[in-house]
Amino acid sequence: MLHLKKACFEDIEKEYAFVRDMPVDENGLTNPWSGISFEDFSATALPQMIAFSKGENLPEGFVPETFLFLWNDDVIVGQFRIRHYLCESLRMGAGHIGYYIGKEYRRRGYGKEGLRQCLEYASKIFPEDEIYLRVNRDNIASLRVMLANGGYIHHEDEMKIYVRIRKQEI
C-alpha cells in the first residue's frame, strides 16, 4: 500500500539508502546528500531534514520544508518535499512541491498517487489558494502527473512549465 511518511530516525537505514542513491540533480530536484556516508546522513542530513520541517536552522532565504518519503509497503519508492509557503524566489521558481520517484519505480503510477497524497497533506499547510509546481519542458511524464492531479499550465518559458493546482480541487 502506498503511503507518505515524514523523514524520521525510525526509518533511517532505508531513508539513507534512498537519499544516498538519488542523483545530485534530476529534473530540477536537487539532492545535496547524493553519495553521502551513513555517518554524515545520521549526524547531519536527517537532523537537517527534520529541523527544516519545523522551520528550525534554516539557511538565509529558505522557508520551512517537510521531507516525505513515499513508501510502497516497506520499500521507499520516492521522496516529496513540501515548502510551507512561498518566498519570491519560490513563487517565480520551484514552487511548493518537488518530488523524485526512483528510476526503477517509474511508470507504475507512483508519481500520480504520491502527488495526490502529497497535495492532500500540503493543502492543510499552505496559506495560498493555489499550489505552485514547476517541471522541465522535457519531463512530459511529470507534467502528466501534475495535470492528472488537477493541475493546469499557468505559464511557460524556454526551459520550464509552471503548473498550478487550485486548493478547492484537492
Protein backbone atom coordinates (compact mmCIF):
# COMPACT_ATOMS: atom_id res chain seq x y z
CA MET A 1 0.00 0.00 0.00
CA LEU A 2 1.34 3.44 -0.94
CA HIS A 3 1.68 5.99 1.82
CA LEU A 4 3.70 9.09 2.67
CA LYS A 5 5.74 9.32 5.84
CA LYS A 6 7.81 12.17 7.21
CA ALA A 7 11.57 11.76 7.46
CA CYS A 8 12.36 10.21 10.84
CA PHE A 9 15.06 8.32 12.70
CA GLU A 10 12.85 5.23 12.95
CA ASP A 11 13.42 4.52 9.23
CA ILE A 12 16.97 5.84 8.98
CA GLU A 13 18.53 2.87 7.15
CA LYS A 14 16.01 2.89 4.29
CA GLU A 15 15.87 6.69 4.10
CA TYR A 16 19.65 6.80 3.98
CA ALA A 17 19.88 4.29 1.12
CA PHE A 18 17.25 6.12 -0.90
CA VAL A 19 18.74 9.60 -0.41
CA ARG A 20 22.31 8.37 -0.98
CA ASP A 21 21.28 6.90 -4.34
CA MET A 22 19.26 9.90 -5.53
CA PRO A 23 21.13 11.96 -8.14
CA VAL A 24 22.57 15.37 -7.22
CA ASP A 25 20.07 16.97 -9.60
CA GLU A 26 17.35 15.26 -11.56
CA ASN A 27 14.84 17.34 -13.45
CA GLY A 28 15.42 20.28 -11.13
CA LEU A 29 15.09 18.47 -7.79
CA THR A 30 18.45 18.84 -6.09
CA ASN A 31 19.90 16.45 -3.56
CA PRO A 32 22.93 17.80 -1.70
CA TRP A 33 23.31 14.43 0.05
CA SER A 34 23.84 12.23 -3.02
CA GLY A 35 26.56 9.68 -2.21
CA ILE A 36 26.64 10.68 1.48
CA SER A 37 28.07 8.32 4.10
CA PHE A 38 25.74 6.79 6.69
CA GLU A 39 27.60 8.63 9.44
CA ASP A 40 27.09 12.02 7.75
CA PHE A 41 23.47 11.22 6.93
CA SER A 42 22.65 10.33 10.53
CA ALA A 43 24.65 13.21 12.04
CA THR A 44 23.78 15.97 9.56
CA ALA A 45 21.34 15.26 6.73
CA LEU A 46 18.46 13.60 8.56
CA PRO A 47 18.57 16.02 11.52
CA GLN A 48 18.58 18.86 8.99
CA MET A 49 15.52 17.44 7.17
CA ILE A 50 13.64 17.16 10.46
CA ALA A 51 14.69 20.65 11.63
CA PHE A 52 13.71 22.24 8.29
CA SER A 53 10.21 20.80 8.61
CA LYS A 54 9.89 22.65 11.93
CA GLY A 55 11.32 25.86 10.50
CA GLU A 56 14.49 25.47 12.56
CA ASN A 57 18.08 26.19 11.48
CA LEU A 58 17.00 27.39 8.04
CA PRO A 59 19.69 28.91 5.85
CA GLU A 60 19.16 32.51 4.74
CA GLY A 61 16.38 32.72 2.15
CA PHE A 62 14.95 29.24 2.91
CA VAL A 63 11.39 28.52 4.06
CA PRO A 64 10.23 25.58 6.18
CA GLU A 65 10.21 22.39 4.10
CA THR A 66 8.84 18.97 5.03
CA PHE A 67 10.57 15.90 3.61
CA LEU A 68 8.21 12.99 2.97
CA PHE A 69 9.09 9.55 1.70
CA LEU A 70 6.67 7.60 -0.47
CA TRP A 71 6.53 4.01 0.71
CA ASN A 72 5.12 1.01 -1.13
CA ASP A 73 4.58 -1.29 1.82
CA ASP A 74 8.09 -1.42 3.36
CA VAL A 75 10.06 -0.05 0.37
CA ILE A 76 10.76 3.64 -0.29
CA VAL A 77 9.91 4.44 -3.91
CA GLY A 78 10.02 8.25 -3.86
CA GLN A 79 10.61 11.47 -1.99
CA PHE A 80 8.37 14.54 -1.85
CA ARG A 81 9.31 17.93 -0.44
CA ILE A 82 6.70 20.44 0.64
CA ARG A 83 7.68 24.06 1.09
CA HIS A 84 5.25 25.51 3.62
CA TYR A 85 4.87 28.88 1.91
CA LEU A 86 6.40 30.77 -0.96
CA CYS A 87 9.05 33.45 -0.86
CA GLU A 88 9.52 35.45 -4.06
CA SER A 89 12.18 33.13 -5.48
CA LEU A 90 9.93 30.08 -4.97
CA ARG A 91 6.91 31.92 -6.36
CA MET A 92 8.86 32.61 -9.55
CA GLY A 93 10.67 29.26 -9.49
CA ALA A 94 10.34 25.82 -7.90
CA GLY A 95 7.03 26.40 -6.11
CA HIS A 96 5.59 24.44 -3.20
CA ILE A 97 6.36 20.83 -4.07
CA GLY A 98 9.28 18.94 -5.53
CA TYR A 99 9.44 15.19 -5.95
CA TYR A 100 11.53 12.31 -7.16
CA ILE A 101 10.48 8.75 -7.97
CA GLY A 102 13.30 6.18 -8.05
CA LYS A 103 14.16 5.17 -11.61
CA GLU A 104 13.28 1.54 -11.02
CA TYR A 105 9.79 2.54 -9.78
CA ARG A 106 8.73 4.82 -12.60
CA ARG A 107 5.82 4.18 -14.99
CA ARG A 108 3.85 2.40 -12.26
CA GLY A 109 1.59 5.26 -11.11
CA TYR A 110 3.66 6.04 -8.00
CA GLY A 111 4.19 9.66 -9.03
CA LYS A 112 0.50 10.26 -9.64
CA GLU A 113 -0.65 8.68 -6.38
CA GLY A 114 2.25 10.13 -4.40
CA LEU A 115 1.48 13.64 -5.63
CA ARG A 116 -2.23 13.13 -4.85
CA GLN A 117 -1.38 12.20 -1.26
CA CYS A 118 1.16 15.00 -1.04
CA LEU A 119 -1.40 17.55 -2.23
CA GLU A 120 -3.85 16.42 0.45
CA TYR A 121 -1.15 16.77 3.10
CA ALA A 122 0.13 20.07 1.74
CA SER A 123 -3.26 21.73 1.30
CA LYS A 124 -3.56 21.89 5.10
CA ILE A 125 -0.24 23.74 5.37
CA PHE A 126 -0.29 26.34 2.59
CA PRO A 127 -1.78 29.78 3.06
CA GLU A 128 -2.00 30.29 -0.73
CA ASP A 129 -5.15 29.42 -2.73
CA GLU A 130 -3.13 27.62 -5.37
CA ILE A 131 -0.28 25.15 -5.14
CA TYR A 132 2.64 26.05 -7.40
CA LEU A 133 4.69 23.43 -9.21
CA ARG A 134 7.35 23.58 -11.90
CA VAL A 135 8.58 20.98 -14.36
CA ASN A 136 11.28 20.86 -17.01
CA ARG A 137 9.81 21.14 -20.51
CA ASP A 138 11.29 17.78 -21.47
CA ASN A 139 9.81 15.94 -18.44
CA ILE A 140 6.47 15.07 -20.01
CA ALA A 141 5.79 12.22 -17.55
CA SER A 142 5.94 14.58 -14.57
CA LEU A 143 3.80 17.16 -16.35
CA ARG A 144 1.18 14.45 -16.93
CA VAL A 145 1.29 13.56 -13.22
CA MET A 146 0.61 17.19 -12.31
CA LEU A 147 -2.20 17.59 -14.84
CA ALA A 148 -3.79 14.30 -13.71
CA ASN A 149 -3.93 15.74 -10.19
CA GLY A 150 -5.98 18.76 -11.26
CA GLY A 151 -3.14 20.98 -12.44
CA TYR A 152 -3.30 23.48 -15.25
CA ILE A 153 -0.48 25.13 -17.14
CA HIS A 154 -0.16 28.66 -15.79
CA HIS A 155 2.73 29.76 -18.00
CA GLU A 156 5.89 28.54 -19.70
CA ASP A 157 9.35 29.76 -20.53
CA GLU A 158 12.17 28.31 -22.63
CA MET A 159 13.14 25.72 -20.01
CA LYS A 160 10.18 25.18 -17.65
CA ILE A 161 6.42 24.74 -17.48
CA TYR A 162 4.72 26.29 -14.44
CA VAL A 163 1.67 24.43 -13.17
CA ARG A 164 -0.93 25.48 -10.62
CA ILE A 165 -3.43 23.36 -8.72
CA ARG A 166 -6.34 25.09 -7.01
CA LYS A 167 -6.73 24.00 -3.40
CA GLN A 168 -10.50 23.63 -3.75
CA GLU A 169 -9.91 20.88 -6.34
CA ILE A 170 -7.92 18.71 -3.93
